[in-house]
Amino acid sequence: MKSSQFLLAMAVSGAVLLGSTRTAHAQQSYTCSARIRKDQRDVNRAIYWYGYNSKQAQHEQDELQRDAADCGYDTDAYRSYNSASDNGYRDGLVMGERDAERNKAFRLTKSDWYEDADRGYNRAFGDKSFYKFQYRQAFEQGYAEGYQRLRF
């Protein structure tokens, strides 16, 4: 009698333990993905407020890389984030300065580079639409800085 109660208690304990392990794993995954999304927002905010090449933006990009690695994500995807941002910012800077030099109106979206948003893209980076999104955000920042640099 006692051995059957013991076996039943062990079975129930095992089921509870197994269920809590799955829950903990799911919570950890959610925590990691939420942390990565927050890091990406922080990078974008730092670029917007302090500029692409600022200490603050670099700190946030480093934190994004570190959290991606800690969570076990393929860091190539987050390298693509940096590549898209680097390429977009540089291209925007060039186009903004060029338009300002030629006394053209501020015309951010009139560039083929902005419209295509795939300069520097590599398949190894993963999702192309994510790359394009990040490229355009950085392009807008670079364009505004380049245009204002020569206008004022």
C-alpha atoms as a PDB file:
ATOM      1  CA  MET A   1       0.000   0.000   0.000  1.00  0.00           C
ATOM      2  CA  LYS A   2       2.703   2.459   0.990  1.00  0.00           C
ATOM      3  CA  SER A   3       4.770   1.624  -2.085  1.00  0.00           C
ATOM      4  CA  SER A   4       1.850   2.423  -4.442  1.00  0.00           C
ATOM      5  CA  GLN A   5       1.299   5.754  -2.652  1.00  0.00           C
ATOM      6  CA  PHE A   6       4.995   6.450  -2.943  1.00  0.00           C
ATOM      7  CA  LEU A   7       4.962   5.663  -6.676  1.00  0.00           C
ATOM      8  CA  LEU A   8       1.899   7.830  -7.181  1.00  0.00           C
ATOM      9  CA  ALA A   9       3.560  10.703  -5.300  1.00  0.00           C
ATOM     10  CA  MET A  10       6.695  10.313  -7.408  1.00  0.00           C
ATOM     11  CA  ALA A  11       4.672  10.332 -10.635  1.00  0.00           C
ATOM     12  CA  VAL A  12       2.801  13.472  -9.609  1.00  0.00           C
ATOM     13  CA  SER A  13       6.050  15.162  -8.527  1.00  0.00           C
ATOM     14  CA  GLY A  14       7.688  14.272 -11.836  1.00  0.00           C
ATOM     15  CA  ALA A  15       4.748  15.662 -13.821  1.00  0.00           C
ATOM     16  CA  VAL A  16       4.775  18.888 -11.810  1.00  0.00           C
ATOM     17  CA  LEU A  17       8.539  19.220 -12.202  1.00  0.00           C
ATOM     18  CA  LEU A  18       8.371  18.578 -15.937  1.00  0.00           C
ATOM     19  CA  GLY A  19       5.571  21.135 -16.365  1.00  0.00           C
ATOM     20  CA  SER A  20       7.412  23.787 -14.375  1.00  0.00           C
ATOM     21  CA  THR A  21      10.583  23.226 -16.412  1.00  0.00           C
ATOM     22  CA  ARG A  22       8.689  23.844 -19.653  1.00  0.00           C
ATOM     23  CA  THR A  23       7.085  26.945 -18.172  1.00  0.00           C
ATOM     24  CA  ALA A  24      10.446  28.261 -17.014  1.00  0.00           C
ATOM     25  CA  HIS A  25      11.910  27.651 -20.479  1.00  0.00           C
ATOM     26  CA  ALA A  26       8.995  29.483 -22.138  1.00  0.00           C
ATOM     27  CA  GLN A  27       9.345  32.381 -19.697  1.00  0.00           C
ATOM     28  CA  GLN A  28      13.080  32.591 -20.360  1.00  0.00           C
ATOM     29  CA  SER A  29      12.467  32.680 -24.128  1.00  0.00           C
ATOM     30  CA  TYR A  30       9.922  35.446 -23.687  1.00  0.00           C
ATOM     31  CA  THR A  31      12.307  37.331 -21.457  1.00  0.00           C
ATOM     32  CA  CYS A  32      15.084  37.076 -24.043  1.00  0.00           C
ATOM     33  CA  SER A  33      12.920  38.176 -26.967  1.00  0.00           C
ATOM     34  CA  ALA A  34      11.486  41.043 -24.921  1.00  0.00           C
ATOM     35  CA  ARG A  35      14.996  42.080 -23.894  1.00  0.00           C
ATOM     36  CA  ILE A  36      16.188  42.023 -27.527  1.00  0.00           C
ATOM     37  CA  ARG A  37      13.219  44.152 -28.653  1.00  0.00           C
ATOM     38  CA  LYS A  38      13.954  46.616 -25.853  1.00  0.00           C
ATOM     39  CA  ASP A  39      17.630  46.729 -26.862  1.00  0.00           C
ATOM     40  CA  GLN A  40      16.669  47.459 -30.472  1.00  0.00           C
ATOM     41  CA  ARG A  41      14.391  50.292 -29.368  1.00  0.00           C
ATOM     42  CA  ASP A  42      17.189  51.651 -27.165  1.00  0.00           C
ATOM     43  CA  VAL A  43      19.626  51.618 -30.099  1.00  0.00           C
ATOM     44  CA  ASN A  44      17.160  53.487 -32.297  1.00  0.00           C
ATOM     45  CA  ARG A  45      16.433  56.009 -29.544  1.00  0.00           C
ATOM     46  CA  ALA A  46      20.152  56.636 -28.898  1.00  0.00           C
ATOM     47  CA  ILE A  47      20.775  57.152 -32.612  1.00  0.00           C
ATOM     48  CA  TYR A  48      17.857  59.555 -32.820  1.00  0.00           C
ATOM     49  CA  TRP A  49      18.851  61.631 -29.779  1.00  0.00           C
ATOM     50  CA  TYR A  50      22.643  61.502 -29.827  1.00  0.00           C
ATOM     51  CA  GLY A  51      23.596  60.597 -33.401  1.00  0.00           C
ATOM     52  CA  TYR A  52      24.713  57.403 -35.020  1.00  0.00           C
ATOM     53  CA  ASN A  53      28.372  57.639 -34.030  1.00  0.00           C
ATOM     54  CA  SER A  54      27.726  58.675 -30.428  1.00  0.00           C
ATOM     55  CA  LYS A  55      29.026  56.842 -27.359  1.00  0.00           C
ATOM     56  CA  GLN A  56      25.427  56.236 -26.314  1.00  0.00           C
ATOM     57  CA  ALA A  57      24.483  54.567 -29.608  1.00  0.00           C
ATOM     58  CA  GLN A  58      27.615  52.413 -29.563  1.00  0.00           C
ATOM     59  CA  HIS A  59      26.885  51.364 -25.973  1.00  0.00           C
ATOM     60  CA  GLU A  60      23.338  50.325 -26.904  1.00  0.00           C
ATOM     61  CA  GLN A  61      24.574  48.399 -29.966  1.00  0.00           C
ATOM     62  CA  ASP A  62      27.110  46.561 -27.802  1.00  0.00           C
ATOM     63  CA  GLU A  63      24.370  45.697 -25.320  1.00  0.00           C
ATOM     64  CA  LEU A  64      22.191  44.357 -28.129  1.00  0.00           C
ATOM     65  CA  GLN A  65      25.047  42.115 -29.318  1.00  0.00           C
ATOM     66  CA  ARG A  66      25.769  40.908 -25.786  1.00  0.00           C
ATOM     67  CA  ASP A  67      22.125  40.102 -25.009  1.00  0.00           C
ATOM     68  CA  ALA A  68      21.693  38.308 -28.333  1.00  0.00           C
ATOM     69  CA  ALA A  69      24.712  36.123 -27.571  1.00  0.00           C
ATOM     70  CA  ASP A  70      23.568  35.511 -23.968  1.00  0.00           C
ATOM     71  CA  CYS A  71      20.150  34.407 -25.189  1.00  0.00           C
ATOM     72  CA  GLY A  72      21.713  31.971 -27.641  1.00  0.00           C
ATOM     73  CA  TYR A  73      20.498  33.785 -30.737  1.00  0.00           C
ATOM     74  CA  ASP A  74      22.419  33.633 -33.968  1.00  0.00           C
ATOM     75  CA  THR A  75      24.391  36.840 -33.710  1.00  0.00           C
ATOM     76  CA  ASP A  76      24.570  37.094 -37.526  1.00  0.00           C
ATOM     77  CA  ALA A  77      21.054  38.539 -37.429  1.00  0.00           C
ATOM     78  CA  TYR A  78      22.209  41.211 -35.031  1.00  0.00           C
ATOM     79  CA  ARG A  79      25.309  41.835 -37.102  1.00  0.00           C
ATOM     80  CA  SER A  80      22.915  42.517 -39.968  1.00  0.00           C
ATOM     81  CA  TYR A  81      21.257  45.098 -37.730  1.00  0.00           C
ATOM     82  CA  ASN A  82      24.601  46.865 -37.408  1.00  0.00           C
ATOM     83  CA  SER A  83      25.403  46.456 -41.112  1.00  0.00           C
ATOM     84  CA  ALA A  84      22.030  47.820 -42.174  1.00  0.00           C
ATOM     85  CA  SER A  85      22.403  50.727 -39.782  1.00  0.00           C
ATOM     86  CA  ASP A  86      25.998  51.417 -40.856  1.00  0.00           C
ATOM     87  CA  ASN A  87      25.192  51.295 -44.557  1.00  0.00           C
ATOM     88  CA  GLY A  88      21.965  53.267 -44.246  1.00  0.00           C
ATOM     89  CA  TYR A  89      23.535  55.972 -42.127  1.00  0.00           C
ATOM     90  CA  ARG A  90      26.554  56.422 -44.420  1.00  0.00           C
ATOM     91  CA  ASP A  91      24.383  56.438 -47.543  1.00  0.00           C
ATOM     92  CA  GLY A  92      21.967  58.926 -45.981  1.00  0.00           C
ATOM     93  CA  LEU A  93      24.837  61.178 -44.970  1.00  0.00           C
ATOM     94  CA  VAL A  94      26.174  61.175 -48.535  1.00  0.00           C
ATOM     95  CA  MET A  95      22.767  61.880 -50.076  1.00  0.00           C
ATOM     96  CA  GLY A  96      21.926  64.594 -47.536  1.00  0.00           C
ATOM     97  CA  GLU A  97      25.210  66.397 -48.114  1.00  0.00           C
ATOM     98  CA  ARG A  98      24.832  66.065 -51.884  1.00  0.00           C
ATOM     99  CA  ASP A  99      21.320  67.537 -51.851  1.00  0.00           C
ATOM    100  CA  ALA A 100      22.411  70.401 -49.588  1.00  0.00           C
ATOM    101  CA  GLU A 101      25.422  71.178 -51.829  1.00  0.00           C
ATOM    102  CA  ARG A 102      23.143  71.364 -54.852  1.00  0.00           C
ATOM    103  CA  ASN A 103      20.647  73.585 -52.999  1.00  0.00           C
ATOM    104  CA  LYS A 104      17.896  71.010 -53.393  1.00  0.00           C
ATOM    105  CA  ALA A 105      14.970  70.805 -51.026  1.00  0.00           C
ATOM    106  CA  PHE A 106      15.042  68.288 -48.187  1.00  0.00           C
ATOM    107  CA  ARG A 107      13.857  65.213 -50.089  1.00  0.00           C
ATOM    108  CA  LEU A 108      14.633  62.232 -47.981  1.00  0.00           C
ATOM    109  CA  THR A 109      12.594  59.588 -49.816  1.00  0.00           C
ATOM    110  CA  LYS A 110      13.581  60.627 -53.358  1.00  0.00           C
ATOM    111  CA  SER A 111      16.736  58.534 -53.383  1.00  0.00           C
ATOM    112  CA  ASP A 112      16.959  55.161 -55.107  1.00  0.00           C
ATOM    113  CA  TRP A 113      19.103  54.004 -52.199  1.00  0.00           C
ATOM    114  CA  TYR A 114      16.316  54.829 -49.750  1.00  0.00           C
ATOM    115  CA  GLU A 115      13.630  53.248 -51.921  1.00  0.00           C
ATOM    116  CA  ASP A 116      15.559  50.014 -52.499  1.00  0.00           C
ATOM    117  CA  ALA A 117      17.093  49.946 -48.989  1.00  0.00           C
ATOM    118  CA  ASP A 118      19.195  46.894 -49.784  1.00  0.00           C
ATOM    119  CA  ARG A 119      22.673  48.322 -50.375  1.00  0.00           C
ATOM    120  CA  GLY A 120      25.168  46.080 -48.620  1.00  0.00           C
ATOM    121  CA  TYR A 121      22.615  43.329 -47.937  1.00  0.00           C
ATOM    122  CA  ASN A 122      23.927  39.775 -47.795  1.00  0.00           C
ATOM    123  CA  ARG A 123      21.819  36.617 -47.548  1.00  0.00           C
ATOM    124  CA  ALA A 124      23.775  35.610 -44.473  1.00  0.00           C
ATOM    125  CA  PHE A 125      22.113  38.529 -42.657  1.00  0.00           C
ATOM    126  CA  GLY A 126      18.752  36.770 -42.764  1.00  0.00           C
ATOM    127  CA  ASP A 127      15.411  38.502 -43.225  1.00  0.00           C
ATOM    128  CA  LYS A 128      15.712  41.128 -45.959  1.00  0.00           C
ATOM    129  CA  SER A 129      12.671  43.109 -44.827  1.00  0.00           C
ATOM    130  CA  PHE A 130      14.219  43.545 -41.367  1.00  0.00           C
ATOM    131  CA  TYR A 131      17.428  44.747 -43.026  1.00  0.00           C
ATOM    132  CA  LYS A 132      15.468  47.235 -45.149  1.00  0.00           C
ATOM    133  CA  PHE A 133      13.624  48.583 -42.128  1.00  0.00           C
ATOM    134  CA  GLN A 134      16.857  49.180 -40.215  1.00  0.00           C
ATOM    135  CA  TYR A 135      18.582  50.621 -43.293  1.00  0.00           C
ATOM    136  CA  ARG A 136      15.811  53.180 -43.831  1.00  0.00           C
ATOM    137  CA  GLN A 137      15.792  54.274 -40.204  1.00  0.00           C
ATOM    138  CA  ALA A 138      19.538  54.881 -40.253  1.00  0.00           C
ATOM    139  CA  PHE A 139      19.346  56.500 -43.717  1.00  0.00           C
ATOM    140  CA  GLU A 140      16.831  59.036 -42.386  1.00  0.00           C
ATOM    141  CA  GLN A 141      19.164  59.924 -39.519  1.00  0.00           C
ATOM    142  CA  GLY A 142      22.207  60.223 -41.779  1.00  0.00           C
ATOM    143  CA  TYR A 143      20.351  62.229 -44.405  1.00  0.00           C
ATOM    144  CA  ALA A 144      19.098  64.748 -41.848  1.00  0.00           C
ATOM    145  CA  GLU A 145      22.572  65.160 -40.343  1.00  0.00           C
ATOM    146  CA  GLY A 146      24.270  65.472 -43.746  1.00  0.00           C
ATOM    147  CA  TYR A 147      21.719  67.951 -45.042  1.00  0.00           C
ATOM    148  CA  GLN A 148      21.873  70.138 -41.926  1.00  0.00           C
ATOM    149  CA  ARG A 149      25.675  69.977 -41.783  1.00  0.00           C
ATOM    150  CA  LEU A 150      26.019  71.877 -45.052  1.00  0.00           C
ATOM    151  CA  ARG A 151      22.914  74.054 -44.799  1.00  0.00           C
ATOM    152  CA  PHE A 152      23.674  75.782 -41.517  1.00  0.00           C
END
